[in-house]
Amino acid sequence: GAIDAILYYTDADADGHGDPASPTRACAHPAGTAYSPDDCDDTEPLAWTGAAERCDGVDNNCDGVTDLDAVDKVVQFKDLDGDTRGDPSTSALRCPGDPAWVSNSDDCDDGEVLAWTGATELCDGVDNDCDAITDDDAVDKTTYFIDSDLDRYGADDSSGDACPTSAGDAPAGYSVADGDCDDSDDAVHPAADEVWYDGVDQDCMEDSDYDQDGDGLDAWQYGGRDCDDADPAVGDDSCGGLSPETAMQSCWAIHEFDAALPSGLYWIDPDGDGDTTDAWQAHCDMSRDGGGWTLVMANNAAVRLTDVPTWVEAVGEINVLGGSFSSTLSGFDLWVGVAEWGEIGDASRWEVGTSPSSITYRAYYTLALDPAASYAITLSGESVPPGNTSPNFLPYHQGMRLSTDDADHDDYGGDCGSNYGGGPWWFKSCWTCSLWGADATSGGYWNGSYYSWAAIWLR
């Protein structure tokens, strides 16, 4: 060959660097050769001796380690939870491509794949945006009704956004249901059982608490005109005491039903059991002292006491002892069996005067009778209006048992009931006060004097 032929090296990968193990001489530059014999890997165009190592997956400088000292490495951050956000506290210069390392450093919790700085807060039980409060400003909150009393019902006009529980339910303090008319009371809500006549609308139906049968009329006991609030077929024409069938428990009940009713005769049924077959006609005072007083004892001196009741009658029957029972108070004597008294009421009014319309003295007591002790009487809370005198009953008769002509329960050696021939009374030995007086025509005795009219009323 020519003495001036040039040495060339095979350049199979056409990277401008030849394979030192494959030389050839030629006068002209042969195709597929290179002048420089520094190609350490003639099969890789990106690798030759002295090449700069780069992040390309090639051992560019043929040092036996790929990308180890690459000049184009970048700062990357460890991503342990695989959310493509790196931990700012764990960084290194690395070639991109390793999924365990990422270029951003905004992972505020590298142990939670759903949390990173700037993440949207969701209702998932995770502090997504790393503000140290879980689910606080979640964008997918549900609108619930606020349930302050925790009865599972919220108020109509009070709502708020909250995250549901893990089971999908409303959290404590919230409810999917509204209609709670009192969100401060857990016994009041649309599913509650209504307790009638207590002034509370437990079931939030917004109906009257005094109209149990729903007929639009409140019960008479609570100022309405429904005579039987358990039966919608019974309205305001079925009570008022104008007949046995419309009897009410007492004169006070009738007065409460209709305060405009005048004094006079009404049918009452003190046991209040709804069965009016045992109702009886009473005289009701609907005007004095607030009205609603039932007459249980009356003594008119002008009416001769003709029928003295036995013990059985004095306890259990309505006894017209003289005259004729009517709306005219001055025309009869009366004793209502004491078994009825306690069911009529315990407020009592005792009075005497020259006539039923002209009262001289009156006194008021709370009255109690003990059936187990022959209806022994206890009066308390004596109230004597100004200008009146006490009947002088308490000091002597308090605690005495009831006596009749045939039942002697007094403390006298003889028989007060027979001796004084009047109606039943609480004799001792024998009396300092008796509204029957000394005999059948003497009139009521009150603090030393006899009066033509004497009566006891209950309410």
Protein backbone atom coordinates (compact mmCIF):
# COMPACT_ATOMS: atom_id res chain seq x y z
CA GLY A 1 0.00 0.00 0.00
CA ALA A 2 0.94 3.60 -0.35
CA ILE A 3 3.42 4.79 2.14
CA ASP A 4 1.23 7.82 2.87
CA ALA A 5 -2.01 5.88 3.47
CA ILE A 6 -3.97 7.12 6.54
CA LEU A 7 -5.06 4.88 9.43
CA TYR A 8 -8.85 4.70 9.88
CA TYR A 9 -11.02 2.78 12.35
CA THR A 10 -14.29 1.08 11.84
CA ASP A 11 -17.21 3.28 13.01
CA ALA A 12 -20.14 0.87 12.93
CA ASP A 13 -22.45 3.06 15.00
CA ALA A 14 -21.64 6.20 12.98
CA ASP A 15 -20.95 8.30 16.04
CA GLY A 16 -17.69 9.73 14.66
CA HIS A 17 -15.60 7.55 16.92
CA GLY A 18 -13.89 4.40 15.69
CA ASP A 19 -13.31 1.00 17.18
CA PRO A 20 -9.61 0.82 18.16
CA ALA A 21 -9.72 -2.92 17.62
CA SER A 22 -10.65 -2.53 13.95
CA PRO A 23 -8.06 -0.35 12.13
CA THR A 24 -7.59 0.00 8.32
CA ARG A 25 -5.29 2.10 6.07
CA ALA A 26 -6.52 3.90 3.07
CA CYS A 27 -5.59 6.83 0.92
CA ALA A 28 -9.14 8.10 0.97
CA HIS A 29 -11.56 8.09 3.95
CA PRO A 30 -13.51 4.86 3.64
CA ALA A 31 -17.21 4.91 4.40
CA GLY A 32 -18.10 3.57 7.86
CA THR A 33 -14.76 4.55 9.43
CA ALA A 34 -13.53 7.30 11.69
CA TYR A 35 -10.20 8.89 12.43
CA SER A 36 -10.51 8.66 16.22
CA PRO A 37 -9.99 5.21 17.73
CA ASP A 38 -11.83 6.11 21.01
CA ASP A 39 -15.15 4.31 20.61
CA CYS A 40 -15.49 2.07 23.63
CA ASP A 41 -18.83 0.66 22.34
CA ASP A 42 -19.12 0.76 18.55
CA THR A 43 -22.64 -0.59 18.78
CA GLU A 44 -23.99 2.45 20.71
CA PRO A 45 -23.87 5.85 18.96
CA LEU A 46 -24.23 7.61 22.35
CA ALA A 47 -21.18 5.95 23.92
CA TRP A 48 -17.46 6.56 23.40
CA THR A 49 -14.39 7.02 25.54
CA GLY A 50 -14.54 10.40 27.27
CA ALA A 51 -18.19 11.07 26.44
CA ALA A 52 -20.20 12.98 29.05
CA GLU A 53 -22.49 10.64 31.03
CA ARG A 54 -26.13 11.58 30.64
CA CYS A 55 -29.49 10.43 31.94
CA ASP A 56 -30.32 8.39 28.87
CA GLY A 57 -30.03 4.81 30.05
CA VAL A 58 -26.66 4.43 28.20
CA ASP A 59 -23.18 3.93 29.66
CA ASN A 60 -21.99 6.93 27.69
CA ASN A 61 -18.42 7.02 29.02
CA CYS A 62 -18.02 3.25 29.12
CA ASP A 63 -17.15 3.18 32.81
CA GLY A 64 -19.30 0.12 33.27
CA VAL A 65 -22.10 1.95 35.17
CA THR A 66 -25.06 3.49 33.37
CA ASP A 67 -26.00 7.09 34.22
CA LEU A 68 -23.94 7.08 37.45
CA ASP A 69 -22.24 10.42 36.97
CA ALA A 70 -24.65 11.90 34.46
CA VAL A 71 -24.13 15.60 33.99
CA ASP A 72 -27.86 16.27 33.46
CA LYS A 73 -29.16 14.81 36.74
CA VAL A 74 -31.89 16.87 38.47
CA VAL A 75 -33.02 17.25 42.07
CA GLN A 76 -35.72 14.67 42.87
CA PHE A 77 -37.75 13.85 46.00
CA LYS A 78 -38.68 10.50 47.50
CA ASP A 79 -42.34 9.44 46.92
CA LEU A 80 -43.05 6.61 49.35
CA ASP A 81 -46.85 6.61 49.01
CA GLY A 82 -46.93 6.69 45.20
CA ASP A 83 -49.08 9.80 44.90
CA THR A 84 -46.53 11.47 42.48
CA ARG A 85 -45.71 14.03 45.17
CA GLY A 86 -42.31 14.01 46.87
CA ASP A 87 -41.21 14.40 50.46
CA PRO A 88 -39.36 17.74 50.72
CA SER A 89 -37.17 16.35 53.48
CA THR A 90 -35.80 13.51 51.31
CA SER A 91 -34.09 14.77 48.12
CA ALA A 92 -31.23 13.67 45.80
CA LEU A 93 -29.69 14.40 42.38
CA ARG A 94 -31.07 11.68 40.22
CA CYS A 95 -31.92 10.80 36.69
CA PRO A 96 -35.67 10.99 36.05
CA GLY A 97 -37.68 7.83 35.49
CA ASP A 98 -37.65 6.06 38.85
CA PRO A 99 -41.33 6.05 40.01
CA ALA A 100 -40.17 6.15 43.62
CA TRP A 101 -38.70 9.62 43.00
CA VAL A 102 -40.48 12.69 41.65
CA SER A 103 -39.53 16.20 40.71
CA ASN A 104 -42.02 18.04 42.99
CA SER A 105 -41.70 18.42 46.76
CA ASP A 106 -45.28 19.19 47.85
CA ASP A 107 -46.14 15.98 49.70
CA CYS A 108 -47.04 17.02 53.24
CA ASP A 109 -47.74 13.40 54.29
CA ASP A 110 -45.68 10.88 52.34
CA GLY A 111 -47.40 8.05 54.20
CA GLU A 112 -50.85 8.88 52.82
CA VAL A 113 -51.50 8.58 49.09
CA LEU A 114 -54.53 10.93 49.34
CA ALA A 115 -52.72 13.82 51.04
CA TRP A 116 -50.40 16.48 49.67
CA THR A 117 -49.95 20.22 49.87
CA GLY A 118 -52.73 21.93 47.94
CA ALA A 119 -54.87 18.82 47.57
CA THR A 120 -58.64 19.25 47.53
CA GLU A 121 -60.11 18.31 50.91
CA LEU A 122 -62.65 15.49 50.63
CA CYS A 123 -64.95 13.60 52.99
CA ASP A 124 -62.65 10.60 53.25
CA GLY A 125 -61.32 10.73 56.80
CA VAL A 126 -57.95 12.03 55.53
CA ASP A 127 -56.38 15.45 56.07
CA ASN A 128 -55.95 15.81 52.31
CA ASP A 129 -54.61 19.37 52.32
CA CYS A 130 -52.44 18.93 55.42
CA ASP A 131 -53.97 21.80 57.37
CA ALA A 132 -54.05 19.59 60.48
CA ILE A 133 -57.89 19.34 60.37
CA THR A 134 -59.50 16.32 58.74
CA ASP A 135 -62.45 16.92 56.37
CA ASP A 136 -62.88 20.50 57.59
CA ASP A 137 -63.40 22.19 54.25
CA ALA A 138 -64.24 19.18 52.15
CA VAL A 139 -65.75 20.10 48.80
CA ASP A 140 -68.07 17.08 48.77
CA LYS A 141 -69.85 17.71 52.07
CA THR A 142 -73.57 16.92 52.29
CA THR A 143 -76.12 19.52 53.37
CA TYR A 144 -77.95 18.29 56.49
CA PHE A 145 -80.42 19.77 58.94
CA ILE A 146 -78.81 20.77 62.21
CA ASP A 147 -79.90 18.40 65.01
CA SER A 148 -79.00 20.15 68.25
CA ASP A 149 -80.88 17.74 70.54
CA LEU A 150 -79.54 14.60 68.78
CA ASP A 151 -82.97 13.06 68.23
CA ARG A 152 -82.21 12.38 64.51
CA TYR A 153 -84.48 15.20 63.34
CA GLY A 154 -83.37 18.70 62.49
CA ALA A 155 -85.11 22.04 62.54
CA ASP A 156 -86.66 23.18 59.25
CA ASP A 157 -84.89 26.53 59.22
CA SER A 158 -81.44 25.37 60.31
CA SER A 159 -79.05 23.56 57.98
CA GLY A 160 -75.33 22.98 57.66
CA ASP A 161 -72.78 21.08 55.58
CA ALA A 162 -70.98 18.07 57.04
CA CYS A 163 -69.28 14.86 55.99
CA PRO A 164 -71.27 11.64 56.44
CA THR A 165 -70.01 8.88 58.69
CA SER A 166 -68.11 5.92 57.30
CA ALA A 167 -71.44 4.10 57.12
CA GLY A 168 -72.92 6.90 55.04
CA ASP A 169 -75.11 8.28 57.81
CA ALA A 170 -75.44 11.85 59.01
CA PRO A 171 -72.87 12.63 61.72
CA ALA A 172 -73.87 13.49 65.28
CA GLY A 173 -75.52 16.89 65.43
CA TYR A 174 -76.94 16.60 61.91
CA SER A 175 -79.89 14.85 60.31
CA VAL A 176 -81.20 14.04 56.85
CA ALA A 177 -84.73 14.56 58.21
CA ASP A 178 -86.24 17.88 59.20
CA GLY A 179 -89.51 18.80 60.90
CA ASP A 180 -88.23 19.10 64.47
CA CYS A 181 -90.40 21.82 66.00
CA ASP A 182 -88.27 22.05 69.17
CA ASP A 183 -84.63 21.20 68.52
CA SER A 184 -83.74 21.75 72.17
CA ASP A 185 -85.85 18.79 73.39
CA ASP A 186 -84.99 15.25 72.24
CA ALA A 187 -88.49 14.06 73.18
CA VAL A 188 -90.01 16.35 70.54
CA HIS A 189 -89.73 15.30 66.89
CA PRO A 190 -92.00 14.02 64.09
CA ALA A 191 -91.65 10.36 65.17
CA ALA A 192 -92.36 10.98 68.86
CA ASP A 193 -95.46 9.67 70.58
CA GLU A 194 -97.80 12.52 71.41
CA VAL A 195 -98.52 13.07 75.10
CA TRP A 196 -101.90 14.76 75.16
CA TYR A 197 -102.89 17.67 77.35
CA ASP A 198 -99.39 18.66 78.53
CA GLY A 199 -99.09 21.71 76.29
CA VAL A 200 -96.22 20.19 74.30
CA ASP A 201 -96.51 19.23 70.63
CA GLN A 202 -94.29 16.13 70.85
CA ASP A 203 -94.99 14.85 67.33
CA CYS A 204 -94.70 18.30 65.71
CA MET A 205 -98.03 17.93 63.93
CA GLU A 206 -98.86 21.55 64.75
CA ASP A 207 -102.31 20.52 65.92
CA SER A 208 -103.94 21.28 69.23
CA ASP A 209 -102.52 19.37 72.18
CA TYR A 210 -106.00 19.40 73.66
CA ASP A 211 -107.81 17.74 70.74
CA GLN A 212 -106.86 14.07 70.98
CA ASP A 213 -109.64 12.81 68.73
CA GLY A 214 -108.84 15.33 66.02
CA ASP A 215 -112.37 16.61 65.58
CA GLY A 216 -111.33 20.26 65.74
CA LEU A 217 -112.67 20.76 69.26
CA ASP A 218 -110.47 21.01 72.34
CA ALA A 219 -111.42 18.97 75.40
CA TRP A 220 -113.74 20.79 77.74
CA GLN A 221 -111.33 20.21 80.63
CA TYR A 222 -108.88 22.51 78.86
CA GLY A 223 -111.17 25.31 77.83
CA GLY A 224 -112.69 23.71 74.75
CA ARG A 225 -116.12 22.32 74.00
CA ASP A 226 -115.43 18.66 73.27
CA CYS A 227 -117.28 16.56 75.81
CA ASP A 228 -115.42 13.33 74.96
CA ASP A 229 -112.02 13.96 73.45
CA ALA A 230 -111.46 10.25 72.82
CA ASP A 231 -114.38 10.04 70.39
CA PRO A 232 -114.50 12.29 67.31
CA ALA A 233 -118.22 11.62 67.01
CA VAL A 234 -118.89 13.38 70.32
CA GLY A 235 -118.86 17.15 70.09
CA ASP A 236 -120.05 20.14 72.02
CA ASP A 237 -123.70 19.05 72.05
CA SER A 238 -123.09 16.02 74.25
CA CYS A 239 -122.16 17.60 77.54
CA GLY A 240 -123.07 20.50 79.73
CA GLY A 241 -125.11 18.58 82.29
CA LEU A 242 -128.50 19.44 80.87
CA SER A 243 -129.53 15.77 80.85
CA PRO A 244 -128.31 12.54 82.46
CA GLU A 245 -126.64 11.60 79.18
CA THR A 246 -124.67 14.86 79.11
CA ALA A 247 -123.64 14.72 82.76
CA MET A 248 -120.19 15.98 83.67
CA GLN A 249 -118.09 15.26 86.74
CA SER A 250 -119.07 18.28 88.82
CA CYS A 251 -120.51 21.76 88.68
CA TRP A 252 -116.97 23.02 88.29
CA ALA A 253 -116.51 20.82 85.20
CA ILE A 254 -119.72 22.23 83.71
CA HIS A 255 -118.59 25.77 84.52
CA GLU A 256 -115.24 25.10 82.88
CA PHE A 257 -117.08 23.79 79.84
CA ASP A 258 -119.16 26.93 79.54
CA ALA A 259 -118.61 29.77 81.97
CA ALA A 260 -121.70 31.52 80.65
CA LEU A 261 -124.08 28.89 82.01
CA PRO A 262 -126.30 30.25 84.84
CA SER A 263 -126.75 28.85 88.31
CA GLY A 264 -129.34 26.13 88.59
CA LEU A 265 -129.86 22.38 88.23
CA TYR A 266 -127.41 20.26 86.24
CA TRP A 267 -126.68 16.58 85.97
CA ILE A 268 -123.31 15.47 87.31
CA ASP A 269 -121.48 12.15 87.51
CA PRO A 270 -118.72 12.59 90.10
CA ASP A 271 -117.01 9.23 89.52
CA GLY A 272 -116.16 10.39 85.98
CA ASP A 273 -116.15 6.84 84.61
CA GLY A 274 -118.05 7.75 81.45
CA ASP A 275 -121.09 5.73 82.53
CA THR A 276 -123.78 8.30 83.26
CA THR A 277 -126.44 5.83 84.38
CA ASP A 278 -125.53 6.76 87.96
CA ALA A 279 -125.58 10.51 87.30
CA TRP A 280 -127.65 12.72 89.61
CA GLN A 281 -129.06 16.19 89.51
CA ALA A 282 -127.19 18.80 91.50
CA HIS A 283 -127.67 22.44 92.27
CA CYS A 284 -124.77 24.45 90.84
CA ASP A 285 -123.70 27.94 91.87
CA MET A 286 -122.17 29.32 88.68
CA SER A 287 -121.68 32.92 89.73
CA ARG A 288 -120.35 33.37 93.27
CA ASP A 289 -116.68 33.00 94.17
CA GLY A 290 -115.67 32.14 90.62
CA GLY A 291 -118.56 29.75 89.99
CA GLY A 292 -118.67 25.97 89.72
CA TRP A 293 -119.80 25.15 93.30
CA THR A 294 -121.82 21.97 93.95
CA LEU A 295 -124.35 22.03 96.79
CA VAL A 296 -123.87 19.02 99.10
CA MET A 297 -125.74 20.15 102.23
CA ALA A 298 -128.65 22.60 102.57
CA ASN A 299 -130.84 23.44 105.56
CA ASN A 300 -133.78 25.77 105.19
CA ALA A 301 -135.44 26.50 108.56
CA ALA A 302 -138.73 27.07 106.76
CA VAL A 303 -138.64 23.52 105.40
CA ARG A 304 -139.41 20.89 107.99
CA LEU A 305 -136.86 18.10 108.05
CA THR A 306 -139.11 15.10 107.34
CA ASP A 307 -136.71 12.37 106.27
CA VAL A 308 -133.67 11.75 108.47
CA PRO A 309 -131.19 9.60 106.48
CA THR A 310 -129.78 6.33 107.74
CA TRP A 311 -126.03 5.70 107.67
CA VAL A 312 -126.28 3.92 104.33
CA GLU A 313 -128.25 6.80 102.85
CA ALA A 314 -125.98 9.45 104.39
CA VAL A 315 -122.97 7.80 102.78
CA GLY A 316 -124.18 6.65 99.40
CA GLU A 317 -127.39 8.38 98.35
CA ILE A 318 -128.66 11.80 97.32
CA ASN A 319 -131.12 12.73 100.08
CA VAL A 320 -133.82 15.37 99.80
CA LEU A 321 -134.72 15.58 103.48
CA GLY A 322 -137.66 17.95 103.17
CA GLY A 323 -139.45 20.09 100.63
CA SER A 324 -139.11 19.54 96.91
CA PHE A 325 -135.79 19.61 95.10
CA SER A 326 -135.81 22.34 92.46
CA SER A 327 -133.84 25.30 91.18
CA THR A 328 -135.29 27.31 94.10
CA LEU A 329 -132.73 26.90 96.87
CA SER A 330 -135.15 27.92 99.63
CA GLY A 331 -137.56 25.08 98.84
CA PHE A 332 -135.74 21.98 100.14
CA ASP A 333 -133.28 20.44 102.59
CA LEU A 334 -130.46 18.36 101.09
CA TRP A 335 -127.71 15.94 102.06
CA VAL A 336 -125.50 14.45 99.33
CA GLY A 337 -123.95 11.12 100.31
CA VAL A 338 -120.42 11.74 101.57
CA ALA A 339 -119.02 9.02 99.28
CA GLU A 340 -119.52 11.55 96.48
CA TRP A 341 -117.84 14.50 98.20
CA GLY A 342 -114.22 13.66 97.50
CA GLU A 343 -114.94 13.16 93.81
CA ILE A 344 -116.60 16.56 93.54
CA GLY A 345 -113.68 18.53 94.98
CA ASP A 346 -111.86 19.41 98.19
CA ALA A 347 -112.52 23.17 98.29
CA SER A 348 -115.49 23.84 100.56
CA ARG A 349 -117.62 26.91 101.28
CA TRP A 350 -119.67 26.97 104.48
CA GLU A 351 -122.33 29.65 104.81
CA VAL A 352 -125.34 30.83 106.81
CA GLY A 353 -127.79 33.64 106.27
CA THR A 354 -131.39 34.74 106.36
CA SER A 355 -131.95 33.18 102.93
CA PRO A 356 -129.92 31.65 100.07
CA SER A 357 -129.68 35.10 98.51
CA SER A 358 -128.78 36.90 101.74
CA ILE A 359 -125.63 35.41 103.25
CA THR A 360 -124.57 36.63 106.68
CA TYR A 361 -121.38 34.67 107.23
CA ARG A 362 -119.22 32.37 105.19
CA ALA A 363 -115.92 30.54 105.63
CA TYR A 364 -113.71 28.48 103.30
CA TYR A 365 -111.76 25.30 103.99
CA THR A 366 -109.91 22.49 102.30
CA LEU A 367 -112.06 19.52 103.26
CA ALA A 368 -111.01 15.87 103.52
CA LEU A 369 -113.05 12.86 104.64
CA ASP A 370 -111.60 9.47 105.60
CA PRO A 371 -113.84 6.61 104.42
CA ALA A 372 -111.81 4.14 106.49
CA ALA A 373 -112.63 6.04 109.68
CA SER A 374 -116.39 6.53 109.23
CA TYR A 375 -115.74 9.61 107.12
CA ALA A 376 -113.86 11.46 109.83
CA ILE A 377 -113.53 15.10 108.82
CA THR A 378 -110.38 17.21 108.48
CA LEU A 379 -110.66 20.90 107.66
CA SER A 380 -107.56 22.96 106.88
CA GLY A 381 -106.62 26.32 105.46
CA GLU A 382 -109.49 28.20 107.08
CA SER A 383 -110.24 31.46 105.28
CA VAL A 384 -112.79 33.86 106.77
CA PRO A 385 -113.47 36.98 104.68
CA PRO A 386 -113.32 40.38 106.41
CA GLY A 387 -116.49 41.14 108.33
CA ASN A 388 -117.35 37.43 108.74
CA THR A 389 -116.94 35.15 111.74
CA SER A 390 -115.73 31.57 111.96
CA PRO A 391 -118.42 28.91 112.54
CA ASN A 392 -116.36 27.64 115.48
CA PHE A 393 -116.30 24.17 113.96
CA LEU A 394 -112.56 23.47 114.01
CA PRO A 395 -111.72 23.58 117.74
CA TYR A 396 -114.39 21.06 118.66
CA HIS A 397 -115.32 18.90 115.67
CA GLN A 398 -111.99 18.46 113.87
CA GLY A 399 -111.24 14.77 113.30
CA MET A 400 -114.68 13.53 114.42
CA ARG A 401 -116.40 10.70 112.59
CA LEU A 402 -119.73 11.14 110.86
CA SER A 403 -122.78 10.13 112.92
CA THR A 404 -126.36 9.50 111.83
CA ASP A 405 -129.58 8.60 113.60
CA ASP A 406 -128.64 4.89 113.34
CA ALA A 407 -124.84 5.12 113.53
CA ASP A 408 -123.46 6.67 116.72
CA HIS A 409 -119.79 7.65 116.27
CA ASP A 410 -119.66 10.57 118.69
CA ASP A 411 -117.83 10.87 122.03
CA TYR A 412 -121.01 11.47 124.00
CA GLY A 413 -122.30 8.93 126.48
CA GLY A 414 -125.67 9.17 124.80
CA ASP A 415 -126.49 9.53 121.12
CA CYS A 416 -126.09 13.01 119.62
CA GLY A 417 -127.59 12.00 116.30
CA SER A 418 -130.86 10.85 117.90
CA ASN A 419 -130.95 13.62 120.49
CA TYR A 420 -130.72 16.40 117.95
CA GLY A 421 -132.86 14.75 115.28
CA GLY A 422 -131.29 16.49 112.33
CA GLY A 423 -129.21 15.31 109.47
CA PRO A 424 -125.84 13.59 109.58
CA TRP A 425 -123.08 15.48 111.40
CA TRP A 426 -119.64 15.15 112.93
CA PHE A 427 -120.81 15.24 116.55
CA LYS A 428 -118.49 15.18 119.51
CA SER A 429 -120.36 15.67 122.82
CA CYS A 430 -122.43 16.98 121.02
CA TRP A 431 -121.67 20.18 119.07
CA THR A 432 -120.50 23.78 119.04
CA CYS A 433 -121.32 24.15 115.36
CA SER A 434 -124.05 22.32 113.48
CA LEU A 435 -125.54 23.57 110.26
CA TRP A 436 -128.58 21.40 111.10
CA GLY A 437 -129.11 23.31 114.35
CA ALA A 438 -130.84 21.90 117.42
CA ASP A 439 -133.87 20.36 115.73
CA ALA A 440 -135.74 20.00 112.47
CA THR A 441 -136.75 23.65 112.20
CA SER A 442 -134.24 25.67 114.22
CA GLY A 443 -131.97 26.53 111.31
CA GLY A 444 -128.20 26.37 111.08
CA TYR A 445 -126.13 27.21 114.15
CA TRP A 446 -123.05 29.42 113.62
CA ASN A 447 -120.98 30.90 116.44
CA GLY A 448 -123.84 31.33 118.90
CA SER A 449 -126.76 32.11 116.59
CA TYR A 450 -129.28 30.28 114.44
CA TYR A 451 -129.81 31.15 110.78
CA SER A 452 -132.66 30.37 108.41
CA TRP A 453 -130.29 29.20 105.69
CA ALA A 454 -127.19 27.02 106.07
CA ALA A 455 -125.26 25.24 103.37
CA ILE A 456 -122.01 23.52 102.39
CA TRP A 457 -120.76 23.78 98.81
CA LEU A 458 -117.86 21.90 97.21
CA ARG A 459 -115.65 22.65 94.25
